[in-house]
Amino acid sequence: MSDVPVIRIDDKARDWLKRQGTGLMIRPSPRLGCCGGQALVPVVERGQPRRPEDYRHLEIGGISIFLSRQLPAAADLHIRLESLLGWKRLFVDGVGLETEADRPPAKGV
């Protein structure tokens, strides 16, 4: 199993990022539930991380990508750009984050 994720960037997202002159970072973001609990949801943002040592740096199609070390290494990621009334937003699909409680128990335990 490779430790390099497969990352696809839509043409619209790639072109927009190149025009912006910035790279992007993919990181987990905590989200709180309405009745308690917390989930980590992967998000993608323009720019570079404040703590680059917590990220793996990749170069794909001329785009500088910082991938959080908290994300699964063998993930299949798809980055896309959506637009509404001139507002543009990046999305990442394909990453499922699980908590310790979500993992099945180790065999033999």
N, C-alpha and C. Protein backbone atom coordinates (compact mmCIF):
# COMPACT_ATOMS: atom_id res chain seq x y z
N MET A 1 0.85 -1.18 0.00
CA MET A 1 0.00 0.00 0.00
C MET A 1 0.89 1.24 0.00
N SER A 2 0.59 2.18 -0.87
CA SER A 2 1.39 3.39 -1.03
C SER A 2 1.06 4.38 0.08
N ASP A 3 2.07 5.16 0.46
CA ASP A 3 1.82 6.21 1.44
C ASP A 3 1.58 7.55 0.76
N VAL A 4 1.45 7.54 -0.57
CA VAL A 4 1.14 8.75 -1.32
C VAL A 4 -0.31 8.67 -1.80
N PRO A 5 -1.15 9.62 -1.38
CA PRO A 5 -2.55 9.57 -1.79
C PRO A 5 -2.71 9.88 -3.27
N VAL A 6 -3.80 9.41 -3.83
CA VAL A 6 -4.16 9.76 -5.20
C VAL A 6 -5.01 11.03 -5.09
N ILE A 7 -4.53 12.12 -5.68
CA ILE A 7 -5.25 13.39 -5.60
C ILE A 7 -5.59 13.85 -7.01
N ARG A 8 -6.88 14.01 -7.26
CA ARG A 8 -7.35 14.55 -8.54
C ARG A 8 -7.86 15.96 -8.29
N ILE A 9 -7.46 16.88 -9.16
CA ILE A 9 -7.91 18.27 -9.06
C ILE A 9 -8.67 18.59 -10.33
N ASP A 10 -9.94 18.97 -10.20
CA ASP A 10 -10.74 19.35 -11.37
C ASP A 10 -10.05 20.48 -12.12
N ASP A 11 -10.28 20.52 -13.42
CA ASP A 11 -9.67 21.57 -14.24
C ASP A 11 -10.04 22.97 -13.75
N LYS A 12 -11.33 23.18 -13.39
CA LYS A 12 -11.76 24.49 -12.89
C LYS A 12 -11.00 24.89 -11.64
N ALA A 13 -10.85 23.94 -10.71
CA ALA A 13 -10.13 24.21 -9.47
C ALA A 13 -8.65 24.50 -9.74
N ARG A 14 -8.04 23.70 -10.61
CA ARG A 14 -6.62 23.89 -10.94
C ARG A 14 -6.39 25.26 -11.57
N ASP A 15 -7.22 25.61 -12.55
CA ASP A 15 -7.08 26.92 -13.22
C ASP A 15 -7.26 28.07 -12.23
N TRP A 16 -8.27 27.96 -11.37
CA TRP A 16 -8.53 29.01 -10.38
C TRP A 16 -7.37 29.15 -9.41
N LEU A 17 -6.85 28.03 -8.92
CA LEU A 17 -5.72 28.08 -7.98
C LEU A 17 -4.49 28.69 -8.64
N LYS A 18 -4.24 28.37 -9.90
CA LYS A 18 -3.08 28.94 -10.60
C LYS A 18 -3.25 30.45 -10.77
N ARG A 19 -4.47 30.90 -11.06
CA ARG A 19 -4.71 32.34 -11.18
C ARG A 19 -4.53 33.05 -9.84
N GLN A 20 -4.91 32.36 -8.75
CA GLN A 20 -4.78 32.94 -7.41
C GLN A 20 -3.31 32.98 -6.97
N GLY A 21 -2.50 32.11 -7.56
CA GLY A 21 -1.08 32.06 -7.20
C GLY A 21 -0.82 31.47 -5.82
N THR A 22 -1.74 30.63 -5.36
CA THR A 22 -1.56 30.02 -4.04
C THR A 22 -1.68 28.51 -4.16
N GLY A 23 -1.15 27.85 -3.18
CA GLY A 23 -1.34 26.41 -3.07
C GLY A 23 -2.58 26.15 -2.24
N LEU A 24 -2.68 24.92 -1.76
CA LEU A 24 -3.82 24.59 -0.92
C LEU A 24 -3.41 23.63 0.18
N MET A 25 -4.20 23.61 1.23
CA MET A 25 -3.98 22.65 2.31
C MET A 25 -5.26 21.89 2.56
N ILE A 26 -5.08 20.62 2.89
CA ILE A 26 -6.20 19.74 3.21
C ILE A 26 -6.00 19.30 4.66
N ARG A 27 -6.99 19.57 5.49
CA ARG A 27 -6.86 19.30 6.92
C ARG A 27 -8.19 18.87 7.50
N PRO A 28 -8.16 18.20 8.66
CA PRO A 28 -9.41 17.88 9.36
C PRO A 28 -9.89 19.10 10.13
N SER A 29 -11.20 19.28 10.17
CA SER A 29 -11.79 20.39 10.91
C SER A 29 -12.87 19.82 11.83
N PRO A 30 -12.80 20.12 13.14
CA PRO A 30 -13.82 19.58 14.05
C PRO A 30 -15.18 20.23 13.83
N ARG A 31 -16.22 19.42 13.84
CA ARG A 31 -17.60 19.90 13.73
C ARG A 31 -18.39 19.30 14.89
N LEU A 32 -19.16 20.14 15.54
CA LEU A 32 -19.96 19.70 16.68
C LEU A 32 -21.35 19.33 16.22
N GLY A 33 -21.90 18.27 16.82
CA GLY A 33 -23.26 17.86 16.51
C GLY A 33 -24.27 18.66 17.30
N CYS A 34 -25.51 18.64 16.88
CA CYS A 34 -26.55 19.42 17.57
C CYS A 34 -26.84 18.86 18.96
N CYS A 35 -26.63 17.56 19.14
CA CYS A 35 -26.93 16.93 20.43
C CYS A 35 -25.68 16.45 21.14
N GLY A 36 -24.57 17.07 20.83
CA GLY A 36 -23.31 16.67 21.43
C GLY A 36 -22.50 15.83 20.47
N GLY A 37 -21.31 15.53 20.86
CA GLY A 37 -20.42 14.76 20.01
C GLY A 37 -19.66 15.66 19.03
N GLN A 38 -18.67 15.07 18.43
CA GLN A 38 -17.81 15.81 17.52
C GLN A 38 -17.35 14.90 16.40
N ALA A 39 -17.20 15.45 15.22
CA ALA A 39 -16.69 14.70 14.08
C ALA A 39 -15.61 15.55 13.40
N LEU A 40 -14.61 14.88 12.85
CA LEU A 40 -13.60 15.58 12.06
C LEU A 40 -14.00 15.48 10.59
N VAL A 41 -14.15 16.63 9.97
CA VAL A 41 -14.56 16.71 8.57
C VAL A 41 -13.39 17.28 7.77
N PRO A 42 -12.99 16.62 6.69
CA PRO A 42 -11.89 17.15 5.89
C PRO A 42 -12.31 18.42 5.14
N VAL A 43 -11.46 19.42 5.17
CA VAL A 43 -11.70 20.66 4.44
C VAL A 43 -10.46 21.01 3.63
N VAL A 44 -10.67 21.77 2.57
CA VAL A 44 -9.57 22.23 1.74
C VAL A 44 -9.61 23.76 1.73
N GLU A 45 -8.45 24.38 1.87
CA GLU A 45 -8.35 25.83 1.91
C GLU A 45 -7.16 26.28 1.08
N ARG A 46 -7.24 27.49 0.57
CA ARG A 46 -6.10 28.07 -0.12
C ARG A 46 -5.04 28.46 0.89
N GLY A 47 -3.78 28.43 0.47
CA GLY A 47 -2.72 28.92 1.32
C GLY A 47 -1.83 27.82 1.85
N GLN A 48 -0.99 28.22 2.82
CA GLN A 48 -0.04 27.31 3.43
C GLN A 48 -0.32 27.22 4.93
N PRO A 49 0.00 26.08 5.53
CA PRO A 49 -0.26 25.91 6.97
C PRO A 49 0.71 26.73 7.82
N ARG A 50 0.24 27.08 9.01
CA ARG A 50 1.11 27.78 9.98
C ARG A 50 2.19 26.86 10.53
N ARG A 51 1.86 25.57 10.61
CA ARG A 51 2.82 24.58 11.12
C ARG A 51 3.11 23.56 10.02
N PRO A 52 3.99 23.88 9.08
CA PRO A 52 4.24 22.98 7.95
C PRO A 52 4.76 21.60 8.36
N GLU A 53 5.33 21.48 9.54
CA GLU A 53 5.84 20.18 9.99
C GLU A 53 4.70 19.18 10.24
N ASP A 54 3.47 19.67 10.37
CA ASP A 54 2.31 18.80 10.58
C ASP A 54 1.67 18.36 9.26
N TYR A 55 2.30 18.72 8.13
CA TYR A 55 1.75 18.45 6.81
C TYR A 55 2.80 17.79 5.91
N ARG A 56 2.30 17.02 4.97
CA ARG A 56 3.16 16.49 3.91
C ARG A 56 3.01 17.42 2.72
N HIS A 57 4.12 17.78 2.10
CA HIS A 57 4.06 18.68 0.95
C HIS A 57 4.15 17.88 -0.34
N LEU A 58 3.18 18.09 -1.24
CA LEU A 58 3.14 17.43 -2.54
C LEU A 58 3.02 18.51 -3.61
N GLU A 59 3.49 18.20 -4.79
CA GLU A 59 3.35 19.08 -5.94
C GLU A 59 2.60 18.29 -7.01
N ILE A 60 1.41 18.74 -7.38
CA ILE A 60 0.60 18.01 -8.37
C ILE A 60 0.09 19.00 -9.41
N GLY A 61 0.46 18.76 -10.65
CA GLY A 61 -0.01 19.60 -11.75
C GLY A 61 0.31 21.07 -11.57
N GLY A 62 1.46 21.37 -10.97
CA GLY A 62 1.83 22.77 -10.74
C GLY A 62 1.18 23.40 -9.53
N ILE A 63 0.45 22.61 -8.75
CA ILE A 63 -0.22 23.11 -7.54
C ILE A 63 0.50 22.56 -6.32
N SER A 64 0.86 23.44 -5.41
CA SER A 64 1.49 23.05 -4.16
C SER A 64 0.40 22.63 -3.17
N ILE A 65 0.49 21.39 -2.67
CA ILE A 65 -0.53 20.85 -1.78
C ILE A 65 0.10 20.46 -0.45
N PHE A 66 -0.52 20.91 0.63
CA PHE A 66 -0.10 20.54 1.98
C PHE A 66 -1.19 19.64 2.54
N LEU A 67 -0.84 18.39 2.80
CA LEU A 67 -1.79 17.38 3.26
C LEU A 67 -1.51 17.07 4.73
N SER A 68 -2.51 17.28 5.57
CA SER A 68 -2.35 17.05 7.00
C SER A 68 -1.94 15.61 7.27
N ARG A 69 -1.02 15.44 8.19
CA ARG A 69 -0.58 14.09 8.57
C ARG A 69 -1.67 13.35 9.34
N GLN A 70 -2.73 14.04 9.75
CA GLN A 70 -3.85 13.40 10.45
C GLN A 70 -4.78 12.67 9.48
N LEU A 71 -4.63 12.92 8.18
CA LEU A 71 -5.49 12.28 7.19
C LEU A 71 -4.88 10.96 6.76
N PRO A 72 -5.71 10.00 6.37
CA PRO A 72 -5.19 8.70 5.92
C PRO A 72 -4.26 8.87 4.72
N ALA A 73 -3.10 8.22 4.77
CA ALA A 73 -2.11 8.36 3.71
C ALA A 73 -2.57 7.79 2.38
N ALA A 74 -3.36 6.73 2.40
CA ALA A 74 -3.75 6.05 1.17
C ALA A 74 -5.12 6.50 0.66
N ALA A 75 -5.52 7.70 0.99
CA ALA A 75 -6.83 8.19 0.57
C ALA A 75 -6.85 8.51 -0.92
N ASP A 76 -8.03 8.41 -1.51
CA ASP A 76 -8.29 8.88 -2.87
C ASP A 76 -9.03 10.20 -2.73
N LEU A 77 -8.39 11.30 -3.10
CA LEU A 77 -8.99 12.61 -2.90
C LEU A 77 -9.39 13.24 -4.23
N HIS A 78 -10.48 13.98 -4.21
CA HIS A 78 -10.95 14.69 -5.38
C HIS A 78 -11.24 16.13 -4.94
N ILE A 79 -10.52 17.08 -5.53
CA ILE A 79 -10.69 18.49 -5.18
C ILE A 79 -11.44 19.16 -6.31
N ARG A 80 -12.48 19.90 -5.93
CA ARG A 80 -13.31 20.56 -6.94
C ARG A 80 -13.62 21.98 -6.49
N LEU A 81 -14.03 22.79 -7.45
CA LEU A 81 -14.37 24.18 -7.19
C LEU A 81 -15.85 24.38 -7.50
N GLU A 82 -16.54 25.04 -6.59
CA GLU A 82 -17.94 25.39 -6.84
C GLU A 82 -18.06 26.90 -6.77
N SER A 83 -19.00 27.42 -7.54
CA SER A 83 -19.17 28.86 -7.63
C SER A 83 -20.65 29.20 -7.52
N LEU A 84 -20.94 30.28 -6.81
CA LEU A 84 -22.32 30.77 -6.70
C LEU A 84 -22.27 32.29 -6.61
N LEU A 85 -22.85 32.94 -7.60
CA LEU A 85 -22.92 34.41 -7.62
C LEU A 85 -21.55 35.06 -7.42
N GLY A 86 -20.54 34.50 -8.04
CA GLY A 86 -19.20 35.06 -7.95
C GLY A 86 -18.36 34.56 -6.79
N TRP A 87 -18.97 33.91 -5.81
CA TRP A 87 -18.23 33.33 -4.69
C TRP A 87 -17.70 31.98 -5.12
N LYS A 88 -16.45 31.72 -4.82
CA LYS A 88 -15.84 30.45 -5.19
C LYS A 88 -15.41 29.74 -3.91
N ARG A 89 -15.57 28.40 -3.94
CA ARG A 89 -15.23 27.61 -2.75
C ARG A 89 -14.69 26.27 -3.20
N LEU A 90 -13.60 25.84 -2.56
CA LEU A 90 -13.01 24.54 -2.83
C LEU A 90 -13.65 23.48 -1.94
N PHE A 91 -13.79 22.28 -2.49
CA PHE A 91 -14.31 21.14 -1.73
C PHE A 91 -13.38 19.96 -1.94
N VAL A 92 -13.31 19.10 -0.94
CA VAL A 92 -12.55 17.86 -1.07
C VAL A 92 -13.50 16.70 -0.79
N ASP A 93 -13.47 15.71 -1.66
CA ASP A 93 -14.28 14.51 -1.50
C ASP A 93 -13.34 13.31 -1.39
N GLY A 94 -13.81 12.27 -0.75
CA GLY A 94 -13.08 11.02 -0.76
C GLY A 94 -12.36 10.67 0.52
N VAL A 95 -12.40 11.54 1.51
CA VAL A 95 -11.72 11.24 2.76
C VAL A 95 -12.76 10.96 3.82
N GLY A 96 -12.64 9.81 4.45
CA GLY A 96 -13.49 9.51 5.59
C GLY A 96 -12.62 9.47 6.83
N LEU A 97 -12.93 10.27 7.80
CA LEU A 97 -12.18 10.27 9.05
C LEU A 97 -12.99 9.49 10.08
N GLU A 98 -12.30 8.70 10.83
CA GLU A 98 -13.00 7.94 11.86
C GLU A 98 -12.39 8.26 13.21
N THR A 99 -13.20 8.14 14.22
CA THR A 99 -12.72 8.34 15.57
C THR A 99 -12.29 7.00 16.13
N GLU A 100 -11.66 7.00 17.26
CA GLU A 100 -11.24 5.77 17.92
C GLU A 100 -12.44 4.86 18.16
N ALA A 101 -13.59 5.47 18.51
CA ALA A 101 -14.79 4.69 18.79
C ALA A 101 -15.35 4.01 17.53
N ASP A 102 -15.05 4.57 16.34
CA ASP A 102 -15.55 4.01 15.09
C ASP A 102 -14.79 2.77 14.65
N ARG A 103 -13.55 2.63 15.10
CA ARG A 103 -12.71 1.52 14.65
C ARG A 103 -13.12 0.22 15.31
N PRO A 104 -13.09 -0.86 14.55
CA PRO A 104 -13.41 -2.16 15.16
C PRO A 104 -12.31 -2.54 16.15
N PRO A 105 -12.63 -3.33 17.15
CA PRO A 105 -11.60 -3.74 18.11
C PRO A 105 -10.54 -4.59 17.44
N ALA A 106 -9.33 -4.49 17.96
CA ALA A 106 -8.22 -5.28 17.41
C ALA A 106 -8.50 -6.76 17.65
N LYS A 107 -8.10 -7.58 16.71
CA LYS A 107 -8.30 -9.03 16.88
C LYS A 107 -7.44 -9.56 18.00
N GLY A 108 -7.99 -10.48 18.74
CA GLY A 108 -7.25 -11.08 19.84
C GLY A 108 -7.32 -10.30 21.13
N VAL A 109 -8.14 -9.25 21.13
CA VAL A 109 -8.24 -8.44 22.35
C VAL A 109 -9.53 -8.78 23.06
